[in-house]
C-alpha atoms as a PDB file:
ATOM      1  CA  MET A   1      -8.726 -71.776 -30.046  1.00  0.00           C
ATOM      2  CA  ILE A   2     -10.791 -69.422 -27.960  1.00  0.00           C
ATOM      3  CA  ARG A   3     -10.262 -70.842 -25.231  1.00  0.00           C
ATOM      4  CA  ARG A   4      -6.519 -70.650 -25.535  1.00  0.00           C
ATOM      5  CA  GLY A   5      -6.960 -66.870 -25.929  1.00  0.00           C
ATOM      6  CA  LEU A   6      -9.276 -66.217 -22.739  1.00  0.00           C
ATOM      7  CA  LEU A   7      -6.132 -68.081 -21.104  1.00  0.00           C
ATOM      8  CA  ILE A   8      -4.036 -65.507 -22.073  1.00  0.00           C
ATOM      9  CA  LEU A   9      -5.838 -62.662 -21.425  1.00  0.00           C
ATOM     10  CA  SER A  10      -6.644 -63.680 -17.979  1.00  0.00           C
ATOM     11  CA  ALA A  11      -3.188 -64.513 -17.369  1.00  0.00           C
ATOM     12  CA  LEU A  12      -2.282 -61.031 -18.340  1.00  0.00           C
ATOM     13  CA  LEU A  13      -5.085 -58.767 -16.601  1.00  0.00           C
ATOM     14  CA  ALA A  14      -3.559 -61.568 -13.108  1.00  0.00           C
ATOM     15  CA  GLY A  15      -0.021 -60.068 -13.724  1.00  0.00           C
ATOM     16  CA  CYS A  16      -1.288 -56.444 -14.011  1.00  0.00           C
ATOM     17  CA  ALA A  17      -3.074 -56.879 -10.655  1.00  0.00           C
ATOM     18  CA  ARG A  18       0.139 -58.429  -9.214  1.00  0.00           C
ATOM     19  CA  GLY A  19       2.044 -55.288 -10.956  1.00  0.00           C
ATOM     20  CA  THR A  20      -0.223 -52.738  -9.206  1.00  0.00           C
ATOM     21  CA  PRO A  21       1.138 -51.096  -5.872  1.00  0.00           C
ATOM     22  CA  ALA A  22      -0.676 -50.346  -2.897  1.00  0.00           C
ATOM     23  CA  PRO A  23      -2.039 -46.874  -2.713  1.00  0.00           C
ATOM     24  CA  THR A  24      -0.202 -44.865  -0.372  1.00  0.00           C
ATOM     25  CA  PRO A  25      -2.119 -43.759   2.974  1.00  0.00           C
ATOM     26  CA  VAL A  26      -2.854 -40.380   3.049  1.00  0.00           C
ATOM     27  CA  THR A  27      -1.637 -38.420   5.660  1.00  0.00           C
ATOM     28  CA  ALA A  28      -4.452 -36.394   7.896  1.00  0.00           C
ATOM     29  CA  VAL A  29      -3.904 -32.453   7.884  1.00  0.00           C
ATOM     30  CA  THR A  30      -4.979 -30.230  10.076  1.00  0.00           C
ATOM     31  CA  PRO A  31      -6.918 -27.347   8.454  1.00  0.00           C
ATOM     32  CA  VAL A  32      -5.509 -24.058   8.373  1.00  0.00           C
ATOM     33  CA  GLY A  33      -7.987 -21.879   9.834  1.00  0.00           C
ATOM     34  CA  ASP A  34     -10.152 -23.498  11.636  1.00  0.00           C
ATOM     35  CA  ARG A  35      -8.538 -22.555  15.062  1.00  0.00           C
ATOM     36  CA  SER A  36      -7.732 -25.992  16.266  1.00  0.00           C
ATOM     37  CA  ALA A  37      -4.014 -25.145  16.950  1.00  0.00           C
ATOM     38  CA  SER A  38      -2.802 -25.505  20.161  1.00  0.00           C
ATOM     39  CA  PRO A  39      -1.548 -22.706  22.458  1.00  0.00           C
ATOM     40  CA  ALA A  40       1.894 -23.799  21.941  1.00  0.00           C
ATOM     41  CA  LEU A  41       1.471 -24.240  18.226  1.00  0.00           C
ATOM     42  CA  ILE A  42       0.420 -20.267  18.256  1.00  0.00           C
ATOM     43  CA  ASP A  43       2.889 -19.152  20.910  1.00  0.00           C
ATOM     44  CA  SER A  44       5.229 -20.689  18.763  1.00  0.00           C
ATOM     45  CA  LEU A  45       4.312 -19.052  15.524  1.00  0.00           C
ATOM     46  CA  TRP A  46       3.666 -15.783  17.307  1.00  0.00           C
ATOM     47  CA  ALA A  47       7.515 -16.073  17.974  1.00  0.00           C
ATOM     48  CA  ARG A  48       8.564 -16.873  14.931  1.00  0.00           C
ATOM     49  CA  LEU A  49       6.369 -14.061  13.287  1.00  0.00           C
ATOM     50  CA  ASP A  50       7.416 -11.465  16.076  1.00  0.00           C
ATOM     51  CA  SER A  51      11.442 -12.393  15.399  1.00  0.00           C
ATOM     52  CA  ALA A  52      10.844 -12.198  11.646  1.00  0.00           C
ATOM     53  CA  HIS A  53       9.446  -8.552  12.123  1.00  0.00           C
ATOM     54  CA  THR A  54      12.254  -7.784  14.409  1.00  0.00           C
ATOM     55  CA  ARG A  55      14.809  -8.889  11.433  1.00  0.00           C
ATOM     56  CA  GLY A  56      13.012  -7.267   8.672  1.00  0.00           C
ATOM     57  CA  LYS A  57      12.107 -10.569   6.630  1.00  0.00           C
ATOM     58  CA  TRP A  58       8.986  -9.253   5.374  1.00  0.00           C
ATOM     59  CA  ALA A  59       7.988 -12.358   3.377  1.00  0.00           C
ATOM     60  CA  ASP A  60       8.064 -14.373   6.178  1.00  0.00           C
ATOM     61  CA  VAL A  61       6.222 -12.334   8.173  1.00  0.00           C
ATOM     62  CA  ILE A  62       3.587 -11.700   5.825  1.00  0.00           C
ATOM     63  CA  LYS A  63       3.347 -15.992   5.343  1.00  0.00           C
ATOM     64  CA  LEU A  64       3.332 -15.984   9.025  1.00  0.00           C
ATOM     65  CA  ALA A  65       0.889 -13.183   9.910  1.00  0.00           C
ATOM     66  CA  ASP A  66      -1.533 -14.575   7.268  1.00  0.00           C
ATOM     67  CA  ARG A  67      -1.463 -18.014   9.406  1.00  0.00           C
ATOM     68  CA  ILE A  68      -1.355 -16.762  13.347  1.00  0.00           C
ATOM     69  CA  SER A  69      -4.683 -14.600  11.747  1.00  0.00           C
ATOM     70  CA  LEU A  70      -6.454 -17.453  11.056  1.00  0.00           C
ATOM     71  CA  GLU A  71      -5.464 -19.328  14.358  1.00  0.00           C
ATOM     72  CA  LEU A  72      -5.426 -16.385  17.262  1.00  0.00           C
ATOM     73  CA  PRO A  73      -9.177 -16.269  18.877  1.00  0.00           C
ATOM     74  CA  PRO A  74     -10.635 -13.095  17.781  1.00  0.00           C
ATOM     75  CA  THR A  75     -10.526 -11.266  21.758  1.00  0.00           C
ATOM     76  CA  ASP A  76      -6.445 -12.531  21.524  1.00  0.00           C
ATOM     77  CA  ALA A  77      -4.400  -9.275  21.603  1.00  0.00           C
ATOM     78  CA  ARG A  78      -1.928 -10.634  19.221  1.00  0.00           C
ATOM     79  CA  LEU A  79      -4.090 -10.520  16.426  1.00  0.00           C
ATOM     80  CA  THR A  80      -3.783  -6.661  15.991  1.00  0.00           C
ATOM     81  CA  ARG A  81      -0.521  -6.760  16.072  1.00  0.00           C
ATOM     82  CA  ALA A  82      -0.199  -9.367  13.491  1.00  0.00           C
ATOM     83  CA  HIS A  83      -2.202  -6.938  11.376  1.00  0.00           C
ATOM     84  CA  LEU A  84      -0.329  -4.282  11.681  1.00  0.00           C
ATOM     85  CA  TYR A  85       2.775  -6.372  11.262  1.00  0.00           C
ATOM     86  CA  ARG A  86       1.645  -7.510   7.833  1.00  0.00           C
ATOM     87  CA  GLY A  87       0.860  -3.867   6.879  1.00  0.00           C
ATOM     88  CA  ASP A  88       4.087  -3.239   7.580  1.00  0.00           C
ATOM     89  CA  SER A  89       5.891  -5.991   5.746  1.00  0.00           C
ATOM     90  CA  TYR A  90       3.915  -4.657   2.320  1.00  0.00           C
ATOM     91  CA  ALA A  91       5.260  -1.115   3.238  1.00  0.00           C
ATOM     92  CA  ARG A  92       8.629  -2.138   3.705  1.00  0.00           C
ATOM     93  CA  LEU A  93       8.736  -4.266   0.275  1.00  0.00           C
ATOM     94  CA  TRP A  94       7.665  -0.737  -1.608  1.00  0.00           C
ATOM     95  CA  ARG A  95      11.052  -0.011  -1.253  1.00  0.00           C
ATOM     96  CA  ARG A  96      11.144   3.533  -3.508  1.00  0.00           C
ATOM     97  CA  ALA A  97       8.530   5.944  -4.045  1.00  0.00           C
ATOM     98  CA  GLU A  98       9.208   5.818  -8.379  1.00  0.00           C
ATOM     99  CA  LEU A  99       8.463   1.833  -8.377  1.00  0.00           C
ATOM    100  CA  ASP A 100       5.172  -0.040  -8.728  1.00  0.00           C
ATOM    101  CA  ALA A 101       3.085   0.783  -5.809  1.00  0.00           C
ATOM    102  CA  THR A 102       0.934  -2.225  -5.788  1.00  0.00           C
ATOM    103  CA  TYR A 103       2.635  -3.065  -2.427  1.00  0.00           C
ATOM    104  CA  GLY A 104       2.113   0.211  -1.314  1.00  0.00           C
ATOM    105  CA  GLN A 105      -1.401   0.233  -1.876  1.00  0.00           C
ATOM    106  CA  THR A 106      -1.734  -3.404  -0.367  1.00  0.00           C
ATOM    107  CA  ALA A 107      -0.060  -2.080   2.771  1.00  0.00           C
ATOM    108  CA  LEU A 108      -2.463   0.909   2.978  1.00  0.00           C
ATOM    109  CA  ALA A 109      -5.246  -1.647   2.926  1.00  0.00           C
ATOM    110  CA  THR A 110      -3.991  -3.590   5.360  1.00  0.00           C
ATOM    111  CA  TYR A 111      -3.705  -0.706   7.621  1.00  0.00           C
ATOM    112  CA  GLN A 112      -7.167   0.457   6.894  1.00  0.00           C
ATOM    113  CA  GLU A 113      -8.653  -2.665   7.206  1.00  0.00           C
ATOM    114  CA  LEU A 114      -7.028  -2.924  11.101  1.00  0.00           C
ATOM    115  CA  LEU A 115      -8.141   0.815  11.427  1.00  0.00           C
ATOM    116  CA  SER A 116     -12.079  -0.496  10.619  1.00  0.00           C
ATOM    117  CA  ARG A 117     -12.070  -3.409  12.266  1.00  0.00           C
ATOM    118  CA  TYR A 118      -9.979  -2.929  15.915  1.00  0.00           C
ATOM    119  CA  ALA A 119     -10.402   1.019  15.874  1.00  0.00           C
ATOM    120  CA  ASP A 120      -9.933   1.222  19.735  1.00  0.00           C
ATOM    121  CA  SER A 121      -6.376  -0.952  20.206  1.00  0.00           C
ATOM    122  CA  ASP A 122      -3.242   0.421  20.295  1.00  0.00           C
ATOM    123  CA  ALA A 123      -2.316  -1.605  16.799  1.00  0.00           C
ATOM    124  CA  ALA A 124      -5.059   0.530  14.818  1.00  0.00           C
ATOM    125  CA  LYS A 125      -3.041   3.943  16.810  1.00  0.00           C
ATOM    126  CA  GLN A 126      -0.158   2.678  15.217  1.00  0.00           C
ATOM    127  CA  ALA A 127      -1.550   2.406  11.718  1.00  0.00           C
ATOM    128  CA  GLN A 128      -2.976   5.528  11.533  1.00  0.00           C
ATOM    129  CA  ALA A 129       0.531   7.006  11.611  1.00  0.00           C
ATOM    130  CA  ARG A 130       2.469   4.353   9.178  1.00  0.00           C
ATOM    131  CA  ILE A 131      -0.813   5.716   6.415  1.00  0.00           C
ATOM    132  CA  ALA A 132       0.423   9.262   6.945  1.00  0.00           C
ATOM    133  CA  GLU A 133       3.945   8.235   6.135  1.00  0.00           C
ATOM    134  CA  LEU A 134       2.466   5.945   3.477  1.00  0.00           C
ATOM    135  CA  ASN A 135       0.625   8.991   1.603  1.00  0.00           C
ATOM    136  CA  ASP A 136       4.270  11.268   1.877  1.00  0.00           C
ATOM    137  CA  LYS A 137       5.030   8.275   0.243  1.00  0.00           C
ATOM    138  CA  PHE A 138       2.739   8.292  -2.832  1.00  0.00           C
ATOM    139  CA  ALA A 139       2.720  12.015  -3.164  1.00  0.00           C
ATOM    140  CA  VAL A 140       6.133  11.877  -3.741  1.00  0.00           C
ATOM    141  CA  LYS A 141       5.691   8.934  -5.880  1.00  0.00           C
ATOM    142  CA  ALA A 142       3.049  11.472  -7.886  1.00  0.00           C
ATOM    143  CA  TYR A 143       5.483  14.715  -7.793  1.00  0.00           C
ATOM    144  CA  LYS A 144       8.164  12.541  -9.510  1.00  0.00           C
ATOM    145  CA  SER A 145       5.500  11.950 -12.314  1.00  0.00           C
ATOM    146  CA  ALA A 146       5.025  15.611 -12.817  1.00  0.00           C
ATOM    147  CA  GLN A 147       9.226  16.524 -12.557  1.00  0.00           C
ATOM    148  CA  TYR A 148       9.353  13.842 -15.507  1.00  0.00           C
ATOM    149  CA  TYR A 149       6.343  15.650 -17.688  1.00  0.00           C
ATOM    150  CA  MET A 150       8.020  18.854 -16.669  1.00  0.00           C
ATOM    151  CA  ARG A 151      11.756  17.704 -18.059  1.00  0.00           C
ATOM    152  CA  LEU A 152       9.571  16.522 -21.699  1.00  0.00           C
ATOM    153  CA  LYS A 153       7.737  19.945 -21.265  1.00  0.00           C
ATOM    154  CA  ALA A 154       4.354  18.609 -21.107  1.00  0.00           C
ATOM    155  CA  TYR A 155       3.068  20.800 -18.942  1.00  0.00           C
ATOM    156  CA  ASP A 156      -0.639  20.259 -18.766  1.00  0.00           C
ATOM    157  CA  SER A 157       0.305  16.520 -17.637  1.00  0.00           C
ATOM    158  CA  ALA A 158       2.728  17.832 -15.480  1.00  0.00           C
ATOM    159  CA  ILE A 159      -0.405  20.396 -13.877  1.00  0.00           C
ATOM    160  CA  ILE A 160      -2.412  17.652 -13.456  1.00  0.00           C
ATOM    161  CA  TYR A 161      -0.290  15.245 -11.694  1.00  0.00           C
ATOM    162  CA  LEU A 162       0.441  17.882  -8.967  1.00  0.00           C
ATOM    163  CA  LYS A 163      -3.168  18.908  -8.475  1.00  0.00           C
ATOM    164  CA  ASP A 164      -4.486  15.445  -7.939  1.00  0.00           C
ATOM    165  CA  LEU A 165      -1.463  15.369  -5.341  1.00  0.00           C
ATOM    166  CA  VAL A 166      -2.593  18.441  -3.745  1.00  0.00           C
ATOM    167  CA  VAL A 167      -5.930  16.821  -3.838  1.00  0.00           C
ATOM    168  CA  SER A 168      -5.424  13.692  -2.578  1.00  0.00           C
ATOM    169  CA  TYR A 169      -2.848  14.020  -0.076  1.00  0.00           C
ATOM    170  CA  PRO A 170      -3.009  17.531   1.264  1.00  0.00           C
ATOM    171  CA  ARG A 171      -1.264  16.876   4.307  1.00  0.00           C
ATOM    172  CA  ALA A 172       1.837  15.626   2.789  1.00  0.00           C
ATOM    173  CA  ALA A 173       4.858  17.461   3.303  1.00  0.00           C
ATOM    174  CA  ILE A 174       5.749  17.795  -0.445  1.00  0.00           C
ATOM    175  CA  VAL A 175       2.915  19.960  -1.221  1.00  0.00           C
ATOM    176  CA  PRO A 176       4.344  23.295  -0.562  1.00  0.00           C
ATOM    177  CA  ALA A 177       6.905  21.547  -3.119  1.00  0.00           C
ATOM    178  CA  ALA A 178       4.214  20.651  -5.335  1.00  0.00           C
ATOM    179  CA  LEU A 179       2.525  23.984  -5.447  1.00  0.00           C
ATOM    180  CA  VAL A 180       5.694  25.688  -6.870  1.00  0.00           C
ATOM    181  CA  LYS A 181       6.335  23.374  -9.246  1.00  0.00           C
ATOM    182  CA  LEU A 182       2.754  23.848 -10.245  1.00  0.00           C
ATOM    183  CA  ILE A 183       3.446  27.494 -10.561  1.00  0.00           C
ATOM    184  CA  ALA A 184       6.012  26.790 -12.336  1.00  0.00           C
ATOM    185  CA  ALA A 185       4.081  25.059 -15.110  1.00  0.00           C
ATOM    186  CA  TYR A 186       1.215  27.452 -15.022  1.00  0.00           C
ATOM    187  CA  ARG A 187       4.390  30.369 -15.889  1.00  0.00           C
ATOM    188  CA  ALA A 188       5.442  27.862 -18.995  1.00  0.00           C
ATOM    189  CA  LEU A 189       1.987  28.078 -20.504  1.00  0.00           C
ATOM    190  CA  ASN A 190       1.456  31.928 -19.799  1.00  0.00           C
ATOM    191  CA  TYR A 191      -1.435  30.950 -17.123  1.00  0.00           C
ATOM    192  CA  GLN A 192      -1.242  34.028 -15.315  1.00  0.00           C
ATOM    193  CA  GLU A 193      -4.566  34.104 -13.228  1.00  0.00           C
ATOM    194  CA  ASP A 194      -3.652  30.305 -12.145  1.00  0.00           C
ATOM    195  CA  VAL A 195      -0.361  31.692 -11.015  1.00  0.00           C
ATOM    196  CA  GLN A 196      -1.840  34.296  -8.800  1.00  0.00           C
ATOM    197  CA  GLU A 197      -4.485  32.078  -7.361  1.00  0.00           C
ATOM    198  CA  THR A 198      -1.766  29.380  -6.350  1.00  0.00           C
ATOM    199  CA  CYS A 199       0.541  32.387  -4.861  1.00  0.00           C
ATOM    200  CA  GLU A 200      -2.392  33.478  -3.094  1.00  0.00           C
ATOM    201  CA  TYR A 201      -3.581  29.855  -1.942  1.00  0.00           C
ATOM    202  CA  LEU A 202       0.471  29.029  -0.555  1.00  0.00           C
ATOM    203  CA  ARG A 203       0.145  32.706   1.161  1.00  0.00           C
ATOM    204  CA  LYS A 204      -2.701  31.769   2.819  1.00  0.00           C
ATOM    205  CA  TYR A 205      -1.655  28.037   3.825  1.00  0.00           C
ATOM    206  CA  HIS A 206       1.731  27.287   3.532  1.00  0.00           C
ATOM    207  CA  ALA A 207       3.172  31.088   4.660  1.00  0.00           C
ATOM    208  CA  THR A 208       6.729  29.752   6.585  1.00  0.00           C
ATOM    209  CA  ASP A 209       7.850  28.052   3.349  1.00  0.00           C
ATOM    210  CA  ALA A 210      10.963  29.962   2.185  1.00  0.00           C
ATOM    211  CA  GLU A 211      10.729  28.297  -1.519  1.00  0.00           C
ATOM    212  CA  ALA A 212       6.756  28.956  -1.683  1.00  0.00           C
ATOM    213  CA  THR A 213       7.446  33.072  -0.417  1.00  0.00           C
ATOM    214  CA  ARG A 214      10.198  33.528  -3.008  1.00  0.00           C
ATOM    215  CA  THR A 215       8.401  31.940  -5.572  1.00  0.00           C
ATOM    216  CA  CYS A 216       5.426  34.397  -5.198  1.00  0.00           C
ATOM    217  CA  ALA A 217       7.485  37.964  -4.217  1.00  0.00           C
ATOM    218  CA  GLY A 218       6.294  40.066  -6.476  1.00  0.00           C
ATOM    219  CA  VAL A 219       2.890  38.026  -7.926  1.00  0.00           C
ATOM    220  CA  ALA A 220      -0.188  40.308  -7.516  1.00  0.00           C
ATOM    221  CA  ALA A 221      -3.480  39.254  -5.460  1.00  0.00           C
ATOM    222  CA  PRO A 222      -5.630  37.753  -7.958  1.00  0.00           C
ATOM    223  CA  THR A 223      -8.794  40.282  -8.532  1.00  0.00           C
ATOM    224  CA  THR A 224     -11.516  37.848  -8.274  1.00  0.00           C
ATOM    225  CA  ALA A 225     -12.111  34.459  -5.754  1.00  0.00           C
ATOM    226  CA  PRO A 226     -10.057  31.550  -7.727  1.00  0.00           C
ATOM    227  CA  PRO A 227     -12.942  29.042  -9.410  1.00  0.00           C
ATOM    228  CA  ALA A 228     -12.510  25.646  -7.469  1.00  0.00           C
ATOM    229  CA  ALA A 229     -10.906  23.733 -10.541  1.00  0.00           C
ATOM    230  CA  ALA A 230      -7.755  26.267 -10.029  1.00  0.00           C
ATOM    231  CA  VAL A 231      -6.634  25.869  -6.738  1.00  0.00           C
ATOM    232  CA  PRO A 232      -6.906  22.528  -4.807  1.00  0.00           C
ATOM    233  CA  ALA A 233      -9.209  22.715  -1.455  1.00  0.00           C
ATOM    234  CA  PRO A 234      -6.984  23.131   1.830  1.00  0.00           C
ATOM    235  CA  ALA A 235      -7.093  20.062   4.065  1.00  0.00           C
ATOM    236  CA  PRO A 236      -9.498  19.512   6.731  1.00  0.00           C
ATOM    237  CA  GLY A 237      -8.287  21.506   9.422  1.00  0.00           C
ATOM    238  CA  THR A 238      -5.475  23.290   8.092  1.00  0.00           C
END
């Protein structure tokens, strides 16, 4: 009986062995990022990247820029432009200022890395201009948030956003409008000294702004120097 059981078990095991498929050979894959790509492949990747950037295919640009940045030698001039294209893509994916700013923040970080690592390159100079554009958009986002709180008559919250806007993005085009809105919030709370101090700031640094001139018409100059917390410091070089 025992011998018969062993024979059956042996037959079953033999059948299982015959039914098991042979393992599929693994295809060798060239590791990405070891700079082993041929010049022809790099040229092909670059042509695709350049075309995707021209056509506004931003998701494709990010993928291709990431790949080619790992393959290009450090001295290749296209490396800096690949970083620029990557930043451009994230900047374009942030379509409206009031939307989530994650793409904008990633674009800013990409441009700043380009400036840090390749400061003397032409791409870095272009990145500097792109950063100014992004800062304008960040400022608009803060301004829209302040407007929202103004509509709710939550003036203290609006003041926080407006003052942070002026401090964080002092060269943004929307700064004079933000200061005018700040005066409106101060007036709603009857903060007369803050109104005087902010008008004095506008007269000094944004004297040509028509809306600021109308807003501050008839407002007396402050009798004392404004405290640091009341009026943001001007941008360097203003």
